[in-house]
Amino acid sequence: MISPSGEFGIQAEGWAPLHATVEGWVESLALAHHASTWAEQVTKLVGDDVDGIELNGYAPVREVKGLADTWWRGPDSLVALYSGEAASLDFPRGRIAVIYSGLDEWGLRGGVDDDG
């Protein structure tokens, strides 16, 4: 759904804004496709295992305008954290993290630098 203020989110038992804009959601879909194409390894964590992810040295991928669902860029990996559906359903064990590792500069950025 799209909120009156333009946030893209999910409505189930409660409202969970996933991205600040529809464009941010589209960017996240494009990034997931790109990362899955270029990563040497893809690891999925579910529920409480998501808590073990260490994001020191990672920066948020601002293009996705993440709220409940966020992306993080590290030195050789991208991490997608999906908690919106779990929040909307009040089901914390439904959180998911996907780690795309073994990425080179192209894999990390797809030719886009931090300045846009």
C-alpha atoms as a PDB file:
ATOM      1  CA  MET A   1       0.000   0.000   0.000  1.00  0.00           C
ATOM      2  CA  ILE A   2       0.963   3.638  -0.293  1.00  0.00           C
ATOM      3  CA  SER A   3       0.341   5.942   2.651  1.00  0.00           C
ATOM      4  CA  PRO A   4      -1.080   9.463   2.251  1.00  0.00           C
ATOM      5  CA  SER A   5       2.471  10.783   2.788  1.00  0.00           C
ATOM      6  CA  GLY A   6       3.858   8.551  -0.007  1.00  0.00           C
ATOM      7  CA  GLU A   7       5.455   5.762   2.035  1.00  0.00           C
ATOM      8  CA  PHE A   8       5.340   2.301   0.498  1.00  0.00           C
ATOM      9  CA  GLY A   9       4.386  -0.368   3.003  1.00  0.00           C
ATOM     10  CA  ILE A  10       2.417  -3.406   3.999  1.00  0.00           C
ATOM     11  CA  GLN A  11      -0.903  -3.533   5.812  1.00  0.00           C
ATOM     12  CA  ALA A  12      -1.788  -6.737   7.637  1.00  0.00           C
ATOM     13  CA  GLU A  13      -2.603  -6.749  11.347  1.00  0.00           C
ATOM     14  CA  GLY A  14      -0.900  -3.344  11.463  1.00  0.00           C
ATOM     15  CA  TRP A  15       0.716  -0.840   9.099  1.00  0.00           C
ATOM     16  CA  ALA A  16       4.448  -1.147   8.462  1.00  0.00           C
ATOM     17  CA  PRO A  17       6.079   1.412   6.160  1.00  0.00           C
ATOM     18  CA  LEU A  18       8.818  -0.430   4.259  1.00  0.00           C
ATOM     19  CA  HIS A  19      10.293   2.447   2.223  1.00  0.00           C
ATOM     20  CA  ALA A  20       9.872   6.215   2.384  1.00  0.00           C
ATOM     21  CA  THR A  21       8.772   6.276  -1.270  1.00  0.00           C
ATOM     22  CA  VAL A  22       7.569   3.940  -4.002  1.00  0.00           C
ATOM     23  CA  GLU A  23      10.792   4.787  -5.847  1.00  0.00           C
ATOM     24  CA  GLY A  24      12.778   3.498  -2.857  1.00  0.00           C
ATOM     25  CA  TRP A  25      10.900   0.201  -3.035  1.00  0.00           C
ATOM     26  CA  VAL A  26      11.632  -0.068  -6.769  1.00  0.00           C
ATOM     27  CA  GLU A  27      15.324   0.642  -6.047  1.00  0.00           C
ATOM     28  CA  SER A  28      15.331  -2.158  -3.470  1.00  0.00           C
ATOM     29  CA  LEU A  29      13.915  -4.607  -6.023  1.00  0.00           C
ATOM     30  CA  ALA A  30      16.515  -3.574  -8.568  1.00  0.00           C
ATOM     31  CA  LEU A  31      19.279  -3.888  -5.970  1.00  0.00           C
ATOM     32  CA  ALA A  32      18.108  -7.383  -4.980  1.00  0.00           C
ATOM     33  CA  HIS A  33      18.247  -8.478  -8.614  1.00  0.00           C
ATOM     34  CA  HIS A  34      21.656  -6.881  -9.141  1.00  0.00           C
ATOM     35  CA  ALA A  35      23.141  -8.303  -5.929  1.00  0.00           C
ATOM     36  CA  SER A  36      21.847 -11.813  -6.591  1.00  0.00           C
ATOM     37  CA  THR A  37      23.381 -11.711 -10.064  1.00  0.00           C
ATOM     38  CA  TRP A  38      26.862 -10.618  -8.965  1.00  0.00           C
ATOM     39  CA  ALA A  39      27.320 -12.158  -5.495  1.00  0.00           C
ATOM     40  CA  GLU A  40      29.611 -15.157  -5.111  1.00  0.00           C
ATOM     41  CA  GLN A  41      27.538 -16.335  -2.142  1.00  0.00           C
ATOM     42  CA  VAL A  42      24.035 -15.588  -0.854  1.00  0.00           C
ATOM     43  CA  THR A  43      23.158 -16.363   2.768  1.00  0.00           C
ATOM     44  CA  LYS A  44      19.676 -16.118   4.257  1.00  0.00           C
ATOM     45  CA  LEU A  45      19.067 -15.711   7.999  1.00  0.00           C
ATOM     46  CA  VAL A  46      15.650 -15.884   9.627  1.00  0.00           C
ATOM     47  CA  GLY A  47      14.175 -14.807  12.963  1.00  0.00           C
ATOM     48  CA  ASP A  48      16.527 -14.447  15.913  1.00  0.00           C
ATOM     49  CA  ASP A  49      19.554 -15.259  13.725  1.00  0.00           C
ATOM     50  CA  VAL A  50      19.133 -11.786  12.192  1.00  0.00           C
ATOM     51  CA  ASP A  51      20.239 -10.292  15.526  1.00  0.00           C
ATOM     52  CA  GLY A  52      23.740 -11.741  15.031  1.00  0.00           C
ATOM     53  CA  ILE A  53      24.519  -9.607  11.992  1.00  0.00           C
ATOM     54  CA  GLU A  54      27.287  -7.086  12.694  1.00  0.00           C
ATOM     55  CA  LEU A  55      26.942  -3.935  10.574  1.00  0.00           C
ATOM     56  CA  ASN A  56      29.976  -1.999  11.861  1.00  0.00           C
ATOM     57  CA  GLY A  57      31.764  -0.687   8.796  1.00  0.00           C
ATOM     58  CA  TYR A  58      28.572  -0.822   6.715  1.00  0.00           C
ATOM     59  CA  ALA A  59      26.671   2.185   5.419  1.00  0.00           C
ATOM     60  CA  PRO A  60      22.970   2.365   4.609  1.00  0.00           C
ATOM     61  CA  VAL A  61      22.133   2.268   0.913  1.00  0.00           C
ATOM     62  CA  ARG A  62      20.225   5.513   0.851  1.00  0.00           C
ATOM     63  CA  GLU A  63      18.663   5.006  -2.600  1.00  0.00           C
ATOM     64  CA  VAL A  64      16.244   2.420  -1.176  1.00  0.00           C
ATOM     65  CA  LYS A  65      14.959   4.964   1.371  1.00  0.00           C
ATOM     66  CA  GLY A  66      14.532   2.077   3.786  1.00  0.00           C
ATOM     67  CA  LEU A  67      12.313   2.292   6.831  1.00  0.00           C
ATOM     68  CA  ALA A  68      11.372  -1.204   8.047  1.00  0.00           C
ATOM     69  CA  ASP A  69      13.220  -2.848   5.150  1.00  0.00           C
ATOM     70  CA  THR A  70      16.783  -1.594   4.764  1.00  0.00           C
ATOM     71  CA  TRP A  71      19.933  -2.280   2.759  1.00  0.00           C
ATOM     72  CA  TRP A  72      23.529  -1.926   3.956  1.00  0.00           C
ATOM     73  CA  ARG A  73      26.750  -1.745   1.908  1.00  0.00           C
ATOM     74  CA  GLY A  74      30.039  -3.073   3.279  1.00  0.00           C
ATOM     75  CA  PRO A  75      33.520  -3.571   1.863  1.00  0.00           C
ATOM     76  CA  ASP A  76      32.580  -6.674  -0.168  1.00  0.00           C
ATOM     77  CA  SER A  77      28.947  -7.376   0.604  1.00  0.00           C
ATOM     78  CA  LEU A  78      25.412  -6.051   0.618  1.00  0.00           C
ATOM     79  CA  VAL A  79      22.953  -6.902   3.387  1.00  0.00           C
ATOM     80  CA  ALA A  80      19.185  -6.668   3.024  1.00  0.00           C
ATOM     81  CA  LEU A  81      17.204  -6.587   6.274  1.00  0.00           C
ATOM     82  CA  TYR A  82      13.501  -7.290   5.898  1.00  0.00           C
ATOM     83  CA  SER A  83      11.495  -6.626   9.053  1.00  0.00           C
ATOM     84  CA  GLY A  84       8.382  -4.904   7.718  1.00  0.00           C
ATOM     85  CA  GLU A  85       6.230  -7.970   7.232  1.00  0.00           C
ATOM     86  CA  ALA A  86       7.231  -9.271  10.670  1.00  0.00           C
ATOM     87  CA  ALA A  87       6.307  -5.908  12.210  1.00  0.00           C
ATOM     88  CA  SER A  88       3.001  -5.725  10.366  1.00  0.00           C
ATOM     89  CA  LEU A  89       2.058  -9.227  11.524  1.00  0.00           C
ATOM     90  CA  ASP A  90       3.555  -8.765  15.020  1.00  0.00           C
ATOM     91  CA  PHE A  91       5.700 -11.826  14.284  1.00  0.00           C
ATOM     92  CA  PRO A  92       9.375 -11.047  15.147  1.00  0.00           C
ATOM     93  CA  ARG A  93      10.533 -14.505  14.034  1.00  0.00           C
ATOM     94  CA  GLY A  94       9.472 -13.500  10.521  1.00  0.00           C
ATOM     95  CA  ARG A  95      12.424 -11.123  10.126  1.00  0.00           C
ATOM     96  CA  ILE A  96      14.761 -12.019   7.274  1.00  0.00           C
ATOM     97  CA  ALA A  97      18.288 -10.960   6.342  1.00  0.00           C
ATOM     98  CA  VAL A  98      19.920 -11.756   3.033  1.00  0.00           C
ATOM     99  CA  ILE A  99      23.688 -11.334   2.784  1.00  0.00           C
ATOM    100  CA  TYR A 100      25.166 -11.014  -0.701  1.00  0.00           C
ATOM    101  CA  SER A 101      28.906 -11.558  -0.298  1.00  0.00           C
ATOM    102  CA  GLY A 102      31.963 -11.723  -2.523  1.00  0.00           C
ATOM    103  CA  LEU A 103      31.090  -8.575  -4.445  1.00  0.00           C
ATOM    104  CA  ASP A 104      33.588  -6.434  -6.304  1.00  0.00           C
ATOM    105  CA  GLU A 105      33.148  -2.684  -6.844  1.00  0.00           C
ATOM    106  CA  TRP A 106      30.684  -3.257  -9.713  1.00  0.00           C
ATOM    107  CA  GLY A 107      28.723  -5.716  -7.600  1.00  0.00           C
ATOM    108  CA  LEU A 108      28.590  -3.301  -4.690  1.00  0.00           C
ATOM    109  CA  ARG A 109      27.604  -0.200  -6.615  1.00  0.00           C
ATOM    110  CA  GLY A 110      26.607  -1.052 -10.174  1.00  0.00           C
ATOM    111  CA  GLY A 111      28.496   1.980 -11.435  1.00  0.00           C
ATOM    112  CA  VAL A 112      26.787   4.420  -9.027  1.00  0.00           C
ATOM    113  CA  ASP A 113      28.955   6.291  -6.523  1.00  0.00           C
ATOM    114  CA  ASP A 114      27.816   7.636  -3.160  1.00  0.00           C
ATOM    115  CA  ASP A 115      27.138  11.061  -4.661  1.00  0.00           C
ATOM    116  CA  GLY A 116      24.387   9.720  -6.905  1.00  0.00           C
END
